[in-house]
Amino acid sequence: MEPLLIYKALANETRRQILEWLKDPAEHFDPAPYIQHGIEFKTGVCVADMQGKTGLAQSVISSYLATMQKAGLVESERIGKWTFYRRNEKTIREFADYIRNEL
């Protein structure tokens, strides 16, 4: 875990919002397309769905997700031509512990 990369990733409101959405994807995204393709939210959420929800360009969302992945906050899984992102709960717990114990 690299705290400075996490701080950088969390400095952006949209990236924080994406992490919140990924905490409970069923509350924030339509499950129908996922069910239709036999994909569960535990696999992650498609970049296109996050892009649609934010209204930002796909390239911007991809850049945000790359920053979050480099910081260890999210993990990705590619299925066919789609990439799905989910929270990396292990890193988030480690960072919470770091904040609690070091600051």
N, C-alpha and C. Protein backbone atom coordinates (compact mmCIF):
# COMPACT_ATOMS: atom_id res chain seq x y z
N MET A 1 0.84 -1.18 0.00
CA MET A 1 0.00 0.00 0.00
C MET A 1 0.89 1.24 0.00
N GLU A 2 0.57 2.16 -0.88
CA GLU A 2 1.31 3.41 -1.01
C GLU A 2 0.38 4.57 -0.66
N PRO A 3 0.44 5.07 0.58
CA PRO A 3 -0.50 6.11 1.02
C PRO A 3 -0.55 7.34 0.12
N LEU A 4 0.59 7.79 -0.41
CA LEU A 4 0.58 8.99 -1.24
C LEU A 4 -0.24 8.80 -2.51
N LEU A 5 -0.16 7.62 -3.11
CA LEU A 5 -0.97 7.35 -4.31
C LEU A 5 -2.46 7.32 -3.95
N ILE A 6 -2.77 6.81 -2.78
CA ILE A 6 -4.17 6.77 -2.35
C ILE A 6 -4.69 8.18 -2.09
N TYR A 7 -3.89 9.00 -1.41
CA TYR A 7 -4.30 10.39 -1.17
C TYR A 7 -4.57 11.10 -2.51
N LYS A 8 -3.70 10.88 -3.48
CA LYS A 8 -3.87 11.51 -4.79
C LYS A 8 -5.18 11.04 -5.44
N ALA A 9 -5.42 9.75 -5.38
CA ALA A 9 -6.64 9.21 -5.99
C ALA A 9 -7.89 9.75 -5.30
N LEU A 10 -7.83 9.89 -3.99
CA LEU A 10 -9.00 10.34 -3.23
C LEU A 10 -9.18 11.87 -3.27
N ALA A 11 -8.21 12.58 -3.83
CA ALA A 11 -8.30 14.04 -3.89
C ALA A 11 -9.34 14.51 -4.91
N ASN A 12 -9.79 13.63 -5.76
CA ASN A 12 -10.75 13.98 -6.81
C ASN A 12 -12.15 13.51 -6.39
N GLU A 13 -13.11 14.42 -6.42
CA GLU A 13 -14.47 14.11 -5.97
C GLU A 13 -15.12 12.98 -6.77
N THR A 14 -14.92 12.97 -8.07
CA THR A 14 -15.53 11.93 -8.90
C THR A 14 -14.93 10.56 -8.58
N ARG A 15 -13.64 10.49 -8.35
CA ARG A 15 -13.03 9.21 -7.99
C ARG A 15 -13.57 8.72 -6.65
N ARG A 16 -13.74 9.64 -5.70
CA ARG A 16 -14.34 9.24 -4.41
C ARG A 16 -15.77 8.75 -4.62
N GLN A 17 -16.50 9.42 -5.48
CA GLN A 17 -17.87 9.04 -5.77
C GLN A 17 -17.93 7.64 -6.41
N ILE A 18 -17.02 7.37 -7.33
CA ILE A 18 -16.96 6.04 -7.95
C ILE A 18 -16.73 4.98 -6.89
N LEU A 19 -15.80 5.23 -5.96
CA LEU A 19 -15.57 4.26 -4.87
C LEU A 19 -16.83 4.04 -4.04
N GLU A 20 -17.58 5.11 -3.80
CA GLU A 20 -18.84 4.97 -3.06
C GLU A 20 -19.83 4.12 -3.86
N TRP A 21 -19.94 4.37 -5.15
CA TRP A 21 -20.85 3.59 -5.98
C TRP A 21 -20.46 2.12 -6.01
N LEU A 22 -19.16 1.86 -6.07
CA LEU A 22 -18.69 0.47 -6.14
C LEU A 22 -18.86 -0.26 -4.80
N LYS A 23 -19.07 0.49 -3.73
CA LYS A 23 -19.30 -0.15 -2.43
C LYS A 23 -20.60 -0.94 -2.46
N ASP A 24 -21.61 -0.41 -3.14
CA ASP A 24 -22.91 -1.10 -3.26
C ASP A 24 -23.45 -0.87 -4.67
N PRO A 25 -22.88 -1.59 -5.65
CA PRO A 25 -23.26 -1.34 -7.06
C PRO A 25 -24.74 -1.53 -7.35
N ALA A 26 -25.38 -2.47 -6.68
CA ALA A 26 -26.80 -2.72 -6.95
C ALA A 26 -27.67 -1.52 -6.60
N GLU A 27 -27.19 -0.69 -5.71
CA GLU A 27 -27.93 0.51 -5.33
C GLU A 27 -27.76 1.63 -6.35
N HIS A 28 -26.68 1.59 -7.11
CA HIS A 28 -26.34 2.71 -7.98
C HIS A 28 -26.39 2.40 -9.48
N PHE A 29 -26.45 1.13 -9.85
CA PHE A 29 -26.44 0.76 -11.26
C PHE A 29 -27.56 -0.25 -11.54
N ASP A 30 -28.05 -0.21 -12.76
CA ASP A 30 -29.10 -1.13 -13.19
C ASP A 30 -28.53 -2.53 -13.33
N PRO A 31 -29.06 -3.50 -12.56
CA PRO A 31 -28.51 -4.86 -12.63
C PRO A 31 -28.97 -5.64 -13.86
N ALA A 32 -30.01 -5.19 -14.55
CA ALA A 32 -30.58 -5.97 -15.66
C ALA A 32 -29.56 -6.37 -16.72
N PRO A 33 -28.74 -5.44 -17.25
CA PRO A 33 -27.77 -5.87 -18.28
C PRO A 33 -26.75 -6.88 -17.76
N TYR A 34 -26.42 -6.77 -16.49
CA TYR A 34 -25.46 -7.70 -15.90
C TYR A 34 -26.08 -9.09 -15.79
N ILE A 35 -27.30 -9.13 -15.30
CA ILE A 35 -28.02 -10.41 -15.16
C ILE A 35 -28.19 -11.06 -16.54
N GLN A 36 -28.55 -10.23 -17.51
CA GLN A 36 -28.75 -10.72 -18.88
C GLN A 36 -27.50 -11.40 -19.43
N HIS A 37 -26.33 -10.91 -19.05
CA HIS A 37 -25.07 -11.48 -19.53
C HIS A 37 -24.43 -12.44 -18.54
N GLY A 38 -25.15 -12.76 -17.46
CA GLY A 38 -24.63 -13.72 -16.49
C GLY A 38 -23.47 -13.19 -15.67
N ILE A 39 -23.44 -11.88 -15.46
CA ILE A 39 -22.37 -11.25 -14.70
C ILE A 39 -22.95 -10.70 -13.40
N GLU A 40 -22.26 -10.96 -12.31
CA GLU A 40 -22.69 -10.45 -11.02
C GLU A 40 -21.90 -9.20 -10.68
N PHE A 41 -22.47 -8.36 -9.82
CA PHE A 41 -21.77 -7.14 -9.44
C PHE A 41 -20.48 -7.43 -8.67
N LYS A 42 -20.33 -8.64 -8.11
CA LYS A 42 -19.07 -8.94 -7.43
C LYS A 42 -17.91 -8.98 -8.44
N THR A 43 -18.22 -9.18 -9.71
CA THR A 43 -17.21 -9.10 -10.77
C THR A 43 -16.76 -7.66 -10.94
N GLY A 44 -17.71 -6.74 -10.83
CA GLY A 44 -17.42 -5.32 -10.96
C GLY A 44 -18.46 -4.62 -11.79
N VAL A 45 -18.18 -3.36 -12.06
CA VAL A 45 -19.07 -2.51 -12.85
C VAL A 45 -18.33 -2.08 -14.10
N CYS A 46 -19.04 -2.10 -15.20
CA CYS A 46 -18.47 -1.75 -16.51
C CYS A 46 -18.14 -0.25 -16.57
N VAL A 47 -17.04 0.07 -17.22
CA VAL A 47 -16.61 1.46 -17.40
C VAL A 47 -17.73 2.28 -18.04
N ALA A 48 -18.42 1.71 -19.01
CA ALA A 48 -19.48 2.45 -19.71
C ALA A 48 -20.59 2.88 -18.76
N ASP A 49 -20.91 2.04 -17.78
CA ASP A 49 -21.96 2.41 -16.82
C ASP A 49 -21.51 3.56 -15.93
N MET A 50 -20.24 3.54 -15.51
CA MET A 50 -19.72 4.65 -14.70
C MET A 50 -19.66 5.92 -15.54
N GLN A 51 -19.26 5.78 -16.79
CA GLN A 51 -19.19 6.93 -17.68
C GLN A 51 -20.58 7.55 -17.85
N GLY A 52 -21.58 6.71 -18.05
CA GLY A 52 -22.94 7.21 -18.21
C GLY A 52 -23.46 7.92 -16.97
N LYS A 53 -23.10 7.41 -15.82
CA LYS A 53 -23.57 7.99 -14.55
C LYS A 53 -22.88 9.33 -14.27
N THR A 54 -21.62 9.47 -14.64
CA THR A 54 -20.90 10.72 -14.38
C THR A 54 -21.14 11.77 -15.46
N GLY A 55 -21.41 11.30 -16.68
CA GLY A 55 -21.54 12.23 -17.79
C GLY A 55 -20.20 12.69 -18.35
N LEU A 56 -19.12 12.12 -17.82
CA LEU A 56 -17.79 12.47 -18.31
C LEU A 56 -17.41 11.57 -19.48
N ALA A 57 -16.43 11.97 -20.23
CA ALA A 57 -15.96 11.17 -21.36
C ALA A 57 -15.39 9.84 -20.87
N GLN A 58 -15.52 8.83 -21.72
CA GLN A 58 -15.02 7.50 -21.37
C GLN A 58 -13.52 7.55 -21.08
N SER A 59 -12.78 8.36 -21.83
CA SER A 59 -11.34 8.46 -21.61
C SER A 59 -11.02 9.04 -20.24
N VAL A 60 -11.84 9.96 -19.76
CA VAL A 60 -11.63 10.56 -18.44
C VAL A 60 -11.88 9.51 -17.36
N ILE A 61 -12.97 8.77 -17.49
CA ILE A 61 -13.29 7.72 -16.51
C ILE A 61 -12.19 6.66 -16.53
N SER A 62 -11.73 6.27 -17.69
CA SER A 62 -10.65 5.28 -17.77
C SER A 62 -9.39 5.79 -17.08
N SER A 63 -9.10 7.07 -17.26
CA SER A 63 -7.94 7.66 -16.60
C SER A 63 -8.13 7.66 -15.08
N TYR A 64 -9.30 8.02 -14.62
CA TYR A 64 -9.60 8.00 -13.19
C TYR A 64 -9.44 6.59 -12.62
N LEU A 65 -9.96 5.61 -13.33
CA LEU A 65 -9.88 4.23 -12.87
C LEU A 65 -8.43 3.74 -12.87
N ALA A 66 -7.64 4.17 -13.84
CA ALA A 66 -6.22 3.79 -13.87
C ALA A 66 -5.50 4.36 -12.66
N THR A 67 -5.81 5.59 -12.30
CA THR A 67 -5.21 6.21 -11.11
C THR A 67 -5.61 5.43 -9.86
N MET A 68 -6.88 5.07 -9.77
CA MET A 68 -7.38 4.32 -8.62
C MET A 68 -6.77 2.92 -8.56
N GLN A 69 -6.58 2.31 -9.73
CA GLN A 69 -5.99 0.98 -9.77
C GLN A 69 -4.52 1.04 -9.39
N LYS A 70 -3.80 2.05 -9.85
CA LYS A 70 -2.39 2.21 -9.50
C LYS A 70 -2.24 2.38 -7.98
N ALA A 71 -3.21 3.05 -7.36
CA ALA A 71 -3.20 3.26 -5.91
C ALA A 71 -3.65 2.01 -5.16
N GLY A 72 -4.19 1.03 -5.90
CA GLY A 72 -4.64 -0.21 -5.27
C GLY A 72 -6.06 -0.16 -4.75
N LEU A 73 -6.80 0.91 -5.07
CA LEU A 73 -8.16 1.05 -4.55
C LEU A 73 -9.19 0.22 -5.31
N VAL A 74 -8.89 -0.08 -6.57
CA VAL A 74 -9.80 -0.90 -7.37
C VAL A 74 -9.02 -2.00 -8.08
N GLU A 75 -9.76 -3.04 -8.43
CA GLU A 75 -9.23 -4.15 -9.21
C GLU A 75 -10.07 -4.24 -10.48
N SER A 76 -9.52 -4.80 -11.53
CA SER A 76 -10.28 -4.94 -12.77
C SER A 76 -10.29 -6.39 -13.23
N GLU A 77 -11.31 -6.68 -14.01
CA GLU A 77 -11.43 -8.00 -14.63
C GLU A 77 -11.98 -7.79 -16.04
N ARG A 78 -11.29 -8.36 -17.00
CA ARG A 78 -11.71 -8.22 -18.40
C ARG A 78 -12.52 -9.46 -18.79
N ILE A 79 -13.69 -9.20 -19.35
CA ILE A 79 -14.55 -10.27 -19.87
C ILE A 79 -14.94 -9.85 -21.28
N GLY A 80 -14.41 -10.59 -22.25
CA GLY A 80 -14.64 -10.21 -23.64
C GLY A 80 -14.02 -8.86 -23.91
N LYS A 81 -14.81 -7.95 -24.49
CA LYS A 81 -14.28 -6.62 -24.79
C LYS A 81 -14.53 -5.62 -23.67
N TRP A 82 -15.12 -6.07 -22.57
CA TRP A 82 -15.48 -5.18 -21.47
C TRP A 82 -14.55 -5.36 -20.28
N THR A 83 -14.28 -4.28 -19.59
CA THR A 83 -13.51 -4.32 -18.36
C THR A 83 -14.40 -3.89 -17.22
N PHE A 84 -14.40 -4.67 -16.16
CA PHE A 84 -15.23 -4.42 -14.99
C PHE A 84 -14.33 -4.08 -13.81
N TYR A 85 -14.76 -3.10 -13.03
CA TYR A 85 -13.98 -2.65 -11.88
C TYR A 85 -14.76 -2.86 -10.60
N ARG A 86 -14.03 -3.26 -9.56
CA ARG A 86 -14.60 -3.43 -8.22
C ARG A 86 -13.60 -2.87 -7.22
N ARG A 87 -14.10 -2.59 -6.04
CA ARG A 87 -13.24 -2.08 -4.97
C ARG A 87 -12.26 -3.15 -4.51
N ASN A 88 -11.08 -2.72 -4.11
CA ASN A 88 -10.10 -3.61 -3.50
C ASN A 88 -10.22 -3.39 -1.99
N GLU A 89 -11.08 -4.18 -1.37
CA GLU A 89 -11.39 -3.98 0.05
C GLU A 89 -10.17 -4.16 0.94
N LYS A 90 -9.24 -5.01 0.53
CA LYS A 90 -8.03 -5.23 1.33
C LYS A 90 -7.22 -3.94 1.45
N THR A 91 -6.99 -3.27 0.34
CA THR A 91 -6.24 -2.02 0.37
C THR A 91 -7.00 -0.94 1.13
N ILE A 92 -8.30 -0.89 0.95
CA ILE A 92 -9.11 0.12 1.65
C ILE A 92 -9.03 -0.10 3.16
N ARG A 93 -9.08 -1.35 3.60
CA ARG A 93 -8.93 -1.65 5.04
C ARG A 93 -7.53 -1.27 5.54
N GLU A 94 -6.51 -1.60 4.75
CA GLU A 94 -5.14 -1.26 5.14
C GLU A 94 -4.97 0.25 5.26
N PHE A 95 -5.56 0.99 4.33
CA PHE A 95 -5.46 2.45 4.38
C PHE A 95 -6.21 3.00 5.59
N ALA A 96 -7.37 2.45 5.87
CA ALA A 96 -8.12 2.87 7.06
C ALA A 96 -7.31 2.61 8.33
N ASP A 97 -6.65 1.46 8.40
CA ASP A 97 -5.79 1.16 9.53
C ASP A 97 -4.63 2.14 9.62
N TYR A 98 -4.05 2.45 8.47
CA TYR A 98 -2.94 3.41 8.42
C TYR A 98 -3.39 4.76 8.98
N ILE A 99 -4.54 5.24 8.54
CA ILE A 99 -5.07 6.52 9.00
C ILE A 99 -5.29 6.47 10.51
N ARG A 100 -5.92 5.40 10.96
CA ARG A 100 -6.25 5.23 12.38
C ARG A 100 -4.97 5.18 13.24
N ASN A 101 -3.96 4.50 12.77
CA ASN A 101 -2.76 4.25 13.60
C ASN A 101 -1.64 5.25 13.40
N GLU A 102 -1.55 5.85 12.23
CA GLU A 102 -0.40 6.70 11.93
C GLU A 102 -0.68 8.20 11.99
N LEU A 103 -1.92 8.58 11.78
CA LEU A 103 -2.21 10.02 11.77
C LEU A 103 -2.89 10.46 13.04
